[in-house]
């Protein structure tokens, strides 16, 4: 048995959800694909797939085996690519998991320029916000965290930006401009949902006073788990919001939003790129990491300079 081919066939069957589809990919008959998977199960002494006439599903052993097979096959492919890198143009697929906010404001804007520089590299972007991101299943996973971030994962900081308070000119005309942090308690505050009712207290930091901290109790007028919805509501005059300056810089520049209570900030938010826990990082992934870091930090510097 060609164990490597059997592993590739098994992975393709799972990815396609069909023996017939995998057979077409490898230009094999369905019978041969079925035999290769069965031979692999016989070799391992465990069933990898539950198969009926209507559906197919991984067993627990199959889930664990597939995770290792993906890494093994990826490492083999990358070792081959590395050996031929001097004679080949950068190419391949980079699988990226990102929350919606970074998909829109970080990845979307850089795709065109990256594509011009590396036209044979494909960005396979999956937008989702799982409670526990499956970092091992992707080449890169984008994560947002505050300055107190401390997670047991391999993560590289990409860029940092201060969170600021802002509201639309229309809202401020109708409700007045807060002059001190305590005034927030009398305003309509729009917040991102937070566990343990932390959204009912706004933690503010004053960088000009040795980062003095202040906690202001509030009763949110709106709670939402989606940053773009929060920004949209703020632009439409629904209340006061807090967001990283890089995410609202265009609205500040156009006048759709105005910063309030400067120099107070709501913390420093950092964008991280989490990597699967393996030693070998594909060259295309490293190149994309460097590009994203340079691109994002340059954009943030321009925005910070514009709104200082």
C-alpha atoms as a PDB file:
ATOM      1  CA  UNK A   1       0.000   0.000   0.000  1.00  0.00           C
ATOM      2  CA  UNK A   2       1.219   3.486  -0.863  1.00  0.00           C
ATOM      3  CA  UNK A   3       0.563   4.957   2.563  1.00  0.00           C
ATOM      4  CA  UNK A   4       1.211   8.538   1.468  1.00  0.00           C
ATOM      5  CA  UNK A   5      -1.299   8.288  -1.359  1.00  0.00           C
ATOM      6  CA  UNK A   6      -3.824   6.679   1.001  1.00  0.00           C
ATOM      7  CA  UNK A   7      -3.410   9.584   3.411  1.00  0.00           C
ATOM      8  CA  UNK A   8      -3.924  12.099   0.606  1.00  0.00           C
ATOM      9  CA  UNK A   9      -6.990  10.251  -0.638  1.00  0.00           C
ATOM     10  CA  UNK A  10      -8.449  10.036   2.884  1.00  0.00           C
ATOM     11  CA  UNK A  11      -7.987  13.788   3.393  1.00  0.00           C
ATOM     12  CA  UNK A  12      -9.585  14.561   0.020  1.00  0.00           C
ATOM     13  CA  UNK A  13     -12.563  12.297   0.719  1.00  0.00           C
ATOM     14  CA  UNK A  14     -13.226  14.179   3.955  1.00  0.00           C
ATOM     15  CA  UNK A  15     -12.729  17.612   2.360  1.00  0.00           C
ATOM     16  CA  UNK A  16     -15.036  16.798  -0.558  1.00  0.00           C
ATOM     17  CA  UNK A  17     -17.488  14.792   1.551  1.00  0.00           C
ATOM     18  CA  UNK A  18     -17.618  12.187  -1.196  1.00  0.00           C
ATOM     19  CA  UNK A  19     -15.621   9.206  -2.443  1.00  0.00           C
ATOM     20  CA  UNK A  20     -16.700   9.951  -6.016  1.00  0.00           C
ATOM     21  CA  UNK A  21     -15.540  13.577  -5.864  1.00  0.00           C
ATOM     22  CA  UNK A  22     -12.171  12.528  -4.438  1.00  0.00           C
ATOM     23  CA  UNK A  23     -11.858   9.925  -7.177  1.00  0.00           C
ATOM     24  CA  UNK A  24     -12.297  12.603  -9.816  1.00  0.00           C
ATOM     25  CA  UNK A  25      -9.638  14.781  -8.177  1.00  0.00           C
ATOM     26  CA  UNK A  26      -7.079  11.960  -8.335  1.00  0.00           C
ATOM     27  CA  UNK A  27      -8.306  10.547 -11.660  1.00  0.00           C
ATOM     28  CA  UNK A  28      -9.080   7.226  -9.993  1.00  0.00           C
ATOM     29  CA  UNK A  29     -12.146   5.025  -9.887  1.00  0.00           C
ATOM     30  CA  UNK A  30     -14.447   5.216  -6.866  1.00  0.00           C
ATOM     31  CA  UNK A  31     -13.628   1.578  -6.150  1.00  0.00           C
ATOM     32  CA  UNK A  32      -9.905   2.337  -5.924  1.00  0.00           C
ATOM     33  CA  UNK A  33     -10.523   5.294  -3.601  1.00  0.00           C
ATOM     34  CA  UNK A  34     -12.732   3.153  -1.377  1.00  0.00           C
ATOM     35  CA  UNK A  35     -10.061   0.426  -1.277  1.00  0.00           C
ATOM     36  CA  UNK A  36      -7.309   2.921  -0.376  1.00  0.00           C
ATOM     37  CA  UNK A  37      -9.302   4.242   2.574  1.00  0.00           C
ATOM     38  CA  UNK A  38     -10.211   0.728   3.672  1.00  0.00           C
ATOM     39  CA  UNK A  39      -6.568  -0.368   3.424  1.00  0.00           C
ATOM     40  CA  UNK A  40      -5.589   2.622   5.556  1.00  0.00           C
ATOM     41  CA  UNK A  41      -8.151   1.646   8.200  1.00  0.00           C
ATOM     42  CA  UNK A  42      -6.887  -1.957   8.124  1.00  0.00           C
ATOM     43  CA  UNK A  43      -3.309  -0.743   8.550  1.00  0.00           C
ATOM     44  CA  UNK A  44      -4.266   1.455  11.504  1.00  0.00           C
ATOM     45  CA  UNK A  45      -6.606  -1.094  13.023  1.00  0.00           C
ATOM     46  CA  UNK A  46      -9.348   1.483  13.549  1.00  0.00           C
ATOM     47  CA  UNK A  47     -12.336   2.815  11.643  1.00  0.00           C
ATOM     48  CA  UNK A  48     -11.847   6.366  10.394  1.00  0.00           C
ATOM     49  CA  UNK A  49     -15.196   6.959   8.690  1.00  0.00           C
ATOM     50  CA  UNK A  50     -18.790   6.009   9.393  1.00  0.00           C
ATOM     51  CA  UNK A  51     -20.273   5.265   5.965  1.00  0.00           C
ATOM     52  CA  UNK A  52     -23.892   4.708   4.990  1.00  0.00           C
ATOM     53  CA  UNK A  53     -25.725   5.067   1.697  1.00  0.00           C
ATOM     54  CA  UNK A  54     -26.894   8.548   2.753  1.00  0.00           C
ATOM     55  CA  UNK A  55     -24.049  10.123   4.674  1.00  0.00           C
ATOM     56  CA  UNK A  56     -20.438   9.921   5.735  1.00  0.00           C
ATOM     57  CA  UNK A  57     -18.927  11.146   9.001  1.00  0.00           C
ATOM     58  CA  UNK A  58     -15.584  10.982  10.768  1.00  0.00           C
ATOM     59  CA  UNK A  59     -15.220   8.780  13.811  1.00  0.00           C
ATOM     60  CA  UNK A  60     -13.440  10.199  16.862  1.00  0.00           C
ATOM     61  CA  UNK A  61     -10.316   8.368  15.724  1.00  0.00           C
ATOM     62  CA  UNK A  62     -10.815   9.817  12.246  1.00  0.00           C
ATOM     63  CA  UNK A  63     -10.966  13.380  13.583  1.00  0.00           C
ATOM     64  CA  UNK A  64      -7.701  12.938  15.487  1.00  0.00           C
ATOM     65  CA  UNK A  65      -5.999  11.182  12.559  1.00  0.00           C
ATOM     66  CA  UNK A  66      -7.097  13.804  10.026  1.00  0.00           C
ATOM     67  CA  UNK A  67      -5.610  16.616  12.121  1.00  0.00           C
ATOM     68  CA  UNK A  68      -2.207  14.906  12.083  1.00  0.00           C
ATOM     69  CA  UNK A  69      -2.499  13.923   8.418  1.00  0.00           C
ATOM     70  CA  UNK A  70      -3.083  17.560   7.416  1.00  0.00           C
ATOM     71  CA  UNK A  71       0.122  18.622   9.143  1.00  0.00           C
ATOM     72  CA  UNK A  72       2.132  15.696   7.760  1.00  0.00           C
ATOM     73  CA  UNK A  73       1.008  16.261   4.175  1.00  0.00           C
ATOM     74  CA  UNK A  74       1.457  20.013   4.498  1.00  0.00           C
ATOM     75  CA  UNK A  75       5.001  19.544   5.800  1.00  0.00           C
ATOM     76  CA  UNK A  76       5.805  17.135   2.961  1.00  0.00           C
ATOM     77  CA  UNK A  77       4.446  19.562   0.377  1.00  0.00           C
ATOM     78  CA  UNK A  78       6.305  22.477   1.928  1.00  0.00           C
ATOM     79  CA  UNK A  79       9.552  20.519   2.127  1.00  0.00           C
ATOM     80  CA  UNK A  80       9.214  19.820  -1.579  1.00  0.00           C
ATOM     81  CA  UNK A  81       8.409  23.481  -2.277  1.00  0.00           C
ATOM     82  CA  UNK A  82      11.335  24.683  -0.168  1.00  0.00           C
ATOM     83  CA  UNK A  83      13.736  22.466  -2.098  1.00  0.00           C
ATOM     84  CA  UNK A  84      12.577  23.995  -5.374  1.00  0.00           C
ATOM     85  CA  UNK A  85      11.977  27.552  -4.125  1.00  0.00           C
ATOM     86  CA  UNK A  86      15.016  28.938  -5.949  1.00  0.00           C
ATOM     87  CA  UNK A  87      13.532  27.901  -9.286  1.00  0.00           C
ATOM     88  CA  UNK A  88       9.870  28.654  -8.649  1.00  0.00           C
ATOM     89  CA  UNK A  89       7.721  31.706  -8.159  1.00  0.00           C
ATOM     90  CA  UNK A  90       5.981  32.055  -4.779  1.00  0.00           C
ATOM     91  CA  UNK A  91       2.713  30.110  -5.012  1.00  0.00           C
ATOM     92  CA  UNK A  92       0.205  28.038  -3.072  1.00  0.00           C
ATOM     93  CA  UNK A  93      -2.746  28.563  -0.730  1.00  0.00           C
ATOM     94  CA  UNK A  94      -2.773  30.375   2.616  1.00  0.00           C
ATOM     95  CA  UNK A  95      -5.755  29.368   4.772  1.00  0.00           C
ATOM     96  CA  UNK A  96      -6.827  32.233   7.046  1.00  0.00           C
ATOM     97  CA  UNK A  97      -9.483  32.396   9.772  1.00  0.00           C
ATOM     98  CA  UNK A  98     -10.642  35.887  10.721  1.00  0.00           C
ATOM     99  CA  UNK A  99     -13.480  37.557  12.649  1.00  0.00           C
ATOM    100  CA  UNK A 100     -15.693  39.745  10.431  1.00  0.00           C
ATOM    101  CA  UNK A 101     -14.201  43.030  11.690  1.00  0.00           C
ATOM    102  CA  UNK A 102     -10.667  42.092  10.567  1.00  0.00           C
ATOM    103  CA  UNK A 103     -11.919  40.530   7.361  1.00  0.00           C
ATOM    104  CA  UNK A 104     -13.485  43.868   6.365  1.00  0.00           C
ATOM    105  CA  UNK A 105     -10.937  46.325   7.746  1.00  0.00           C
ATOM    106  CA  UNK A 106      -7.614  44.436   7.624  1.00  0.00           C
ATOM    107  CA  UNK A 107      -7.648  41.660   5.024  1.00  0.00           C
ATOM    108  CA  UNK A 108     -10.027  43.182   2.488  1.00  0.00           C
ATOM    109  CA  UNK A 109      -7.978  46.354   1.889  1.00  0.00           C
ATOM    110  CA  UNK A 110      -4.659  44.529   1.399  1.00  0.00           C
ATOM    111  CA  UNK A 111      -5.778  41.755  -0.964  1.00  0.00           C
ATOM    112  CA  UNK A 112      -5.310  43.814  -4.140  1.00  0.00           C
ATOM    113  CA  UNK A 113      -1.726  44.894  -3.410  1.00  0.00           C
ATOM    114  CA  UNK A 114      -0.681  41.461  -2.152  1.00  0.00           C
ATOM    115  CA  UNK A 115      -2.176  39.910  -5.272  1.00  0.00           C
ATOM    116  CA  UNK A 116      -0.157  42.247  -7.486  1.00  0.00           C
ATOM    117  CA  UNK A 117       3.066  41.262  -5.717  1.00  0.00           C
ATOM    118  CA  UNK A 118       2.342  37.537  -5.447  1.00  0.00           C
ATOM    119  CA  UNK A 119      -0.183  36.649  -8.158  1.00  0.00           C
ATOM    120  CA  UNK A 120       0.174  32.877  -7.687  1.00  0.00           C
ATOM    121  CA  UNK A 121      -0.559  32.887  -3.954  1.00  0.00           C
ATOM    122  CA  UNK A 122      -4.220  32.229  -3.151  1.00  0.00           C
ATOM    123  CA  UNK A 123      -5.743  33.643   0.043  1.00  0.00           C
ATOM    124  CA  UNK A 124      -8.389  31.202   1.277  1.00  0.00           C
ATOM    125  CA  UNK A 125     -10.185  33.363   3.864  1.00  0.00           C
ATOM    126  CA  UNK A 126     -12.843  31.966   6.220  1.00  0.00           C
ATOM    127  CA  UNK A 127     -14.801  34.597   8.166  1.00  0.00           C
ATOM    128  CA  UNK A 128     -16.162  33.408  11.511  1.00  0.00           C
ATOM    129  CA  UNK A 129     -15.981  34.189  15.234  1.00  0.00           C
ATOM    130  CA  UNK A 130     -15.825  30.854  17.072  1.00  0.00           C
ATOM    131  CA  UNK A 131     -15.578  30.987  20.865  1.00  0.00           C
ATOM    132  CA  UNK A 132     -12.406  28.888  20.685  1.00  0.00           C
ATOM    133  CA  UNK A 133     -10.704  29.441  17.297  1.00  0.00           C
ATOM    134  CA  UNK A 134      -9.375  26.195  15.753  1.00  0.00           C
ATOM    135  CA  UNK A 135      -5.882  27.626  15.306  1.00  0.00           C
ATOM    136  CA  UNK A 136      -4.434  24.246  14.306  1.00  0.00           C
ATOM    137  CA  UNK A 137      -6.692  24.048  11.250  1.00  0.00           C
ATOM    138  CA  UNK A 138      -5.431  27.256   9.575  1.00  0.00           C
ATOM    139  CA  UNK A 139      -2.131  28.729   8.445  1.00  0.00           C
ATOM    140  CA  UNK A 140      -3.063  31.997  10.172  1.00  0.00           C
ATOM    141  CA  UNK A 141      -5.813  32.977  12.586  1.00  0.00           C
ATOM    142  CA  UNK A 142      -6.424  36.675  13.231  1.00  0.00           C
ATOM    143  CA  UNK A 143      -7.278  37.568  16.818  1.00  0.00           C
ATOM    144  CA  UNK A 144      -8.033  40.872  18.507  1.00  0.00           C
ATOM    145  CA  UNK A 145      -7.037  41.372  22.129  1.00  0.00           C
ATOM    146  CA  UNK A 146      -6.543  44.090  24.716  1.00  0.00           C
ATOM    147  CA  UNK A 147      -3.235  45.022  26.303  1.00  0.00           C
ATOM    148  CA  UNK A 148      -3.867  42.347  28.980  1.00  0.00           C
ATOM    149  CA  UNK A 149      -3.870  39.509  26.436  1.00  0.00           C
ATOM    150  CA  UNK A 150      -2.189  36.343  27.728  1.00  0.00           C
ATOM    151  CA  UNK A 151      -3.085  33.186  25.845  1.00  0.00           C
ATOM    152  CA  UNK A 152      -1.253  29.898  25.568  1.00  0.00           C
ATOM    153  CA  UNK A 153      -0.865  30.019  21.791  1.00  0.00           C
ATOM    154  CA  UNK A 154       1.834  30.974  19.303  1.00  0.00           C
ATOM    155  CA  UNK A 155       0.762  34.477  18.257  1.00  0.00           C
ATOM    156  CA  UNK A 156       2.586  37.307  16.567  1.00  0.00           C
ATOM    157  CA  UNK A 157       1.484  40.921  17.197  1.00  0.00           C
ATOM    158  CA  UNK A 158       0.694  42.696  13.925  1.00  0.00           C
ATOM    159  CA  UNK A 159      -0.321  46.199  14.995  1.00  0.00           C
ATOM    160  CA  UNK A 160      -1.740  48.095  17.978  1.00  0.00           C
ATOM    161  CA  UNK A 161      -4.228  50.956  18.119  1.00  0.00           C
ATOM    162  CA  UNK A 162      -5.881  52.940  20.915  1.00  0.00           C
ATOM    163  CA  UNK A 163      -9.606  52.679  21.510  1.00  0.00           C
ATOM    164  CA  UNK A 164     -11.322  56.077  21.541  1.00  0.00           C
ATOM    165  CA  UNK A 165     -14.774  57.429  22.369  1.00  0.00           C
ATOM    166  CA  UNK A 166     -16.733  59.089  19.578  1.00  0.00           C
ATOM    167  CA  UNK A 167     -20.211  60.044  18.437  1.00  0.00           C
ATOM    168  CA  UNK A 168     -21.891  61.658  15.445  1.00  0.00           C
ATOM    169  CA  UNK A 169     -22.205  65.480  15.231  1.00  0.00           C
ATOM    170  CA  UNK A 170     -25.993  65.066  15.145  1.00  0.00           C
ATOM    171  CA  UNK A 171     -26.029  63.094  18.405  1.00  0.00           C
ATOM    172  CA  UNK A 172     -23.767  65.654  20.097  1.00  0.00           C
ATOM    173  CA  UNK A 173     -25.964  68.552  18.943  1.00  0.00           C
ATOM    174  CA  UNK A 174     -29.041  66.872  20.381  1.00  0.00           C
ATOM    175  CA  UNK A 175     -27.512  65.598  23.612  1.00  0.00           C
ATOM    176  CA  UNK A 176     -24.537  67.826  24.350  1.00  0.00           C
ATOM    177  CA  UNK A 177     -20.820  67.038  24.416  1.00  0.00           C
ATOM    178  CA  UNK A 178     -19.544  65.174  27.503  1.00  0.00           C
ATOM    179  CA  UNK A 179     -16.978  67.335  29.304  1.00  0.00           C
ATOM    180  CA  UNK A 180     -15.692  64.721  31.750  1.00  0.00           C
ATOM    181  CA  UNK A 181     -15.842  60.910  31.932  1.00  0.00           C
ATOM    182  CA  UNK A 182     -18.580  60.908  34.582  1.00  0.00           C
ATOM    183  CA  UNK A 183     -20.914  62.592  32.053  1.00  0.00           C
ATOM    184  CA  UNK A 184     -21.123  59.277  30.152  1.00  0.00           C
ATOM    185  CA  UNK A 185     -23.603  58.001  32.731  1.00  0.00           C
ATOM    186  CA  UNK A 186     -26.158  60.501  31.351  1.00  0.00           C
ATOM    187  CA  UNK A 187     -25.649  59.590  27.701  1.00  0.00           C
ATOM    188  CA  UNK A 188     -26.789  56.812  25.378  1.00  0.00           C
ATOM    189  CA  UNK A 189     -23.816  54.456  25.359  1.00  0.00           C
ATOM    190  CA  UNK A 190     -23.541  51.746  22.714  1.00  0.00           C
ATOM    191  CA  UNK A 191     -21.389  48.796  23.743  1.00  0.00           C
ATOM    192  CA  UNK A 192     -19.975  45.516  22.513  1.00  0.00           C
ATOM    193  CA  UNK A 193     -21.331  42.663  24.623  1.00  0.00           C
ATOM    194  CA  UNK A 194     -18.947  41.539  27.361  1.00  0.00           C
ATOM    195  CA  UNK A 195     -19.127  38.668  29.872  1.00  0.00           C
ATOM    196  CA  UNK A 196     -20.050  39.216  33.528  1.00  0.00           C
ATOM    197  CA  UNK A 197     -21.802  42.535  32.726  1.00  0.00           C
ATOM    198  CA  UNK A 198     -18.485  44.273  32.120  1.00  0.00           C
ATOM    199  CA  UNK A 199     -20.255  46.337  29.448  1.00  0.00           C
ATOM    200  CA  UNK A 200     -21.998  48.225  32.300  1.00  0.00           C
ATOM    201  CA  UNK A 201     -18.711  49.825  33.313  1.00  0.00           C
ATOM    202  CA  UNK A 202     -16.566  51.874  30.947  1.00  0.00           C
ATOM    203  CA  UNK A 203     -12.885  51.591  31.851  1.00  0.00           C
ATOM    204  CA  UNK A 204     -11.038  54.719  30.739  1.00  0.00           C
ATOM    205  CA  UNK A 205      -7.313  55.475  30.696  1.00  0.00           C
ATOM    206  CA  UNK A 206      -5.641  58.883  30.537  1.00  0.00           C
ATOM    207  CA  UNK A 207      -2.267  58.602  28.740  1.00  0.00           C
ATOM    208  CA  UNK A 208      -1.415  62.200  29.717  1.00  0.00           C
ATOM    209  CA  UNK A 209      -1.690  61.406  33.431  1.00  0.00           C
ATOM    210  CA  UNK A 210       0.623  58.398  33.712  1.00  0.00           C
ATOM    211  CA  UNK A 211      -2.178  56.180  32.345  1.00  0.00           C
ATOM    212  CA  UNK A 212      -4.503  56.971  35.220  1.00  0.00           C
ATOM    213  CA  UNK A 213      -7.521  54.658  35.147  1.00  0.00           C
ATOM    214  CA  UNK A 214     -11.149  55.449  35.840  1.00  0.00           C
ATOM    215  CA  UNK A 215     -14.233  53.227  35.800  1.00  0.00           C
ATOM    216  CA  UNK A 216     -17.526  54.905  34.894  1.00  0.00           C
ATOM    217  CA  UNK A 217     -20.785  52.998  35.592  1.00  0.00           C
ATOM    218  CA  UNK A 218     -23.234  53.200  32.673  1.00  0.00           C
ATOM    219  CA  UNK A 219     -26.483  51.626  31.477  1.00  0.00           C
ATOM    220  CA  UNK A 220     -25.938  50.705  27.795  1.00  0.00           C
ATOM    221  CA  UNK A 221     -28.637  51.820  25.393  1.00  0.00           C
ATOM    222  CA  UNK A 222     -27.579  49.078  22.972  1.00  0.00           C
ATOM    223  CA  UNK A 223     -25.539  45.878  23.192  1.00  0.00           C
ATOM    224  CA  UNK A 224     -24.213  44.166  20.082  1.00  0.00           C
ATOM    225  CA  UNK A 225     -21.668  41.464  19.237  1.00  0.00           C
ATOM    226  CA  UNK A 226     -20.680  42.914  15.852  1.00  0.00           C
ATOM    227  CA  UNK A 227     -18.280  45.872  15.577  1.00  0.00           C
ATOM    228  CA  UNK A 228     -19.433  47.109  12.175  1.00  0.00           C
ATOM    229  CA  UNK A 229     -23.023  47.256  13.441  1.00  0.00           C
ATOM    230  CA  UNK A 230     -21.799  49.289  16.417  1.00  0.00           C
ATOM    231  CA  UNK A 231     -19.943  51.724  14.156  1.00  0.00           C
ATOM    232  CA  UNK A 232     -22.938  52.070  11.842  1.00  0.00           C
ATOM    233  CA  UNK A 233     -25.220  52.884  14.770  1.00  0.00           C
ATOM    234  CA  UNK A 234     -22.738  55.491  16.005  1.00  0.00           C
ATOM    235  CA  UNK A 235     -22.520  57.137  12.583  1.00  0.00           C
ATOM    236  CA  UNK A 236     -26.329  57.252  12.402  1.00  0.00           C
ATOM    237  CA  UNK A 237     -26.510  59.166  15.704  1.00  0.00           C
ATOM    238  CA  UNK A 238     -27.687  56.412  18.043  1.00  0.00           C
ATOM    239  CA  UNK A 239     -25.165  57.210  20.787  1.00  0.00           C
ATOM    240  CA  UNK A 240     -21.553  57.152  21.960  1.00  0.00           C
ATOM    241  CA  UNK A 241     -19.301  54.289  20.900  1.00  0.00           C
ATOM    242  CA  UNK A 242     -15.759  53.110  21.573  1.00  0.00           C
ATOM    243  CA  UNK A 243     -13.636  51.640  18.792  1.00  0.00           C
ATOM    244  CA  UNK A 244     -10.002  51.383  17.757  1.00  0.00           C
ATOM    245  CA  UNK A 245      -8.998  54.579  16.002  1.00  0.00           C
ATOM    246  CA  UNK A 246      -7.923  52.677  12.883  1.00  0.00           C
ATOM    247  CA  UNK A 247     -11.433  51.252  12.475  1.00  0.00           C
ATOM    248  CA  UNK A 248     -13.177  54.652  12.670  1.00  0.00           C
ATOM    249  CA  UNK A 249     -10.455  56.869  11.182  1.00  0.00           C
ATOM    250  CA  UNK A 250     -12.257  57.303   7.847  1.00  0.00           C
ATOM    251  CA  UNK A 251     -15.428  58.391   9.662  1.00  0.00           C
ATOM    252  CA  UNK A 252     -13.434  60.848  11.770  1.00  0.00           C
ATOM    253  CA  UNK A 253     -11.776  62.242   8.648  1.00  0.00           C
ATOM    254  CA  UNK A 254     -15.106  62.680   6.845  1.00  0.00           C
ATOM    255  CA  UNK A 255     -16.735  64.252   9.899  1.00  0.00           C
ATOM    256  CA  UNK A 256     -19.312  61.475  10.290  1.00  0.00           C
ATOM    257  CA  UNK A 257     -17.907  60.859  13.788  1.00  0.00           C
ATOM    258  CA  UNK A 258     -16.179  63.172  16.252  1.00  0.00           C
ATOM    259  CA  UNK A 259     -13.859  62.135  19.044  1.00  0.00           C
ATOM    260  CA  UNK A 260     -14.935  63.073  22.560  1.00  0.00           C
ATOM    261  CA  UNK A 261     -13.215  63.197  25.962  1.00  0.00           C
ATOM    262  CA  UNK A 262      -9.733  63.323  24.456  1.00  0.00           C
ATOM    263  CA  UNK A 263      -7.117  62.318  25.640  1.00  0.00           C
ATOM    264  CA  UNK A 264      -9.019  59.529  27.444  1.00  0.00           C
ATOM    265  CA  UNK A 265      -8.861  56.146  25.720  1.00  0.00           C
ATOM    266  CA  UNK A 266     -10.619  52.853  26.403  1.00  0.00           C
ATOM    267  CA  UNK A 267      -7.473  50.752  26.166  1.00  0.00           C
ATOM    268  CA  UNK A 268      -5.008  49.564  23.567  1.00  0.00           C
ATOM    269  CA  UNK A 269      -6.164  46.884  21.159  1.00  0.00           C
ATOM    270  CA  UNK A 270      -3.693  44.634  19.371  1.00  0.00           C
ATOM    271  CA  UNK A 271      -4.197  42.527  16.274  1.00  0.00           C
ATOM    272  CA  UNK A 272      -2.465  39.146  16.545  1.00  0.00           C
ATOM    273  CA  UNK A 273      -1.804  36.453  13.953  1.00  0.00           C
ATOM    274  CA  UNK A 274      -1.921  33.046  15.622  1.00  0.00           C
ATOM    275  CA  UNK A 275       0.044  30.191  14.079  1.00  0.00           C
ATOM    276  CA  UNK A 276      -0.450  26.447  14.367  1.00  0.00           C
ATOM    277  CA  UNK A 277       1.971  24.857  16.804  1.00  0.00           C
ATOM    278  CA  UNK A 278       4.456  23.463  14.325  1.00  0.00           C
ATOM    279  CA  UNK A 279       8.044  24.387  13.634  1.00  0.00           C
ATOM    280  CA  UNK A 280       7.913  24.667   9.847  1.00  0.00           C
ATOM    281  CA  UNK A 281       6.153  27.790   8.561  1.00  0.00           C
ATOM    282  CA  UNK A 282       5.605  27.833   4.777  1.00  0.00           C
ATOM    283  CA  UNK A 283       7.527  30.549   2.948  1.00  0.00           C
ATOM    284  CA  UNK A 284       4.323  32.007   1.496  1.00  0.00           C
ATOM    285  CA  UNK A 285       2.850  32.311   5.024  1.00  0.00           C
ATOM    286  CA  UNK A 286       5.962  34.096   6.278  1.00  0.00           C
ATOM    287  CA  UNK A 287       5.857  36.470   3.302  1.00  0.00           C
ATOM    288  CA  UNK A 288       2.180  37.221   3.905  1.00  0.00           C
ATOM    289  CA  UNK A 289       2.819  37.839   7.615  1.00  0.00           C
ATOM    290  CA  UNK A 290       5.543  40.349   6.816  1.00  0.00           C
ATOM    291  CA  UNK A 291       3.382  42.039   4.185  1.00  0.00           C
ATOM    292  CA  UNK A 292       0.320  42.266   6.457  1.00  0.00           C
ATOM    293  CA  UNK A 293       2.401  43.634   9.336  1.00  0.00           C
ATOM    294  CA  UNK A 294       4.065  46.308   7.198  1.00  0.00           C
ATOM    295  CA  UNK A 295       0.843  47.239   5.409  1.00  0.00           C
ATOM    296  CA  UNK A 296      -1.295  47.464   8.558  1.00  0.00           C
ATOM    297  CA  UNK A 297       1.239  49.407  10.621  1.00  0.00           C
ATOM    298  CA  UNK A 298       1.746  51.895   7.791  1.00  0.00           C
ATOM    299  CA  UNK A 299      -2.002  52.482   7.518  1.00  0.00           C
ATOM    300  CA  UNK A 300      -2.369  52.957  11.292  1.00  0.00           C
ATOM    301  CA  UNK A 301       0.545  55.422  11.410  1.00  0.00           C
ATOM    302  CA  UNK A 302      -1.071  57.515   8.676  1.00  0.00           C
ATOM    303  CA  UNK A 303      -4.406  57.472  10.486  1.00  0.00           C
ATOM    304  CA  UNK A 304      -2.879  58.339  13.862  1.00  0.00           C
ATOM    305  CA  UNK A 305      -0.972  61.251  12.293  1.00  0.00           C
ATOM    306  CA  UNK A 306      -4.133  62.506  10.610  1.00  0.00           C
ATOM    307  CA  UNK A 307      -6.151  62.504  13.841  1.00  0.00           C
ATOM    308  CA  UNK A 308      -3.592  63.538  16.467  1.00  0.00           C
END
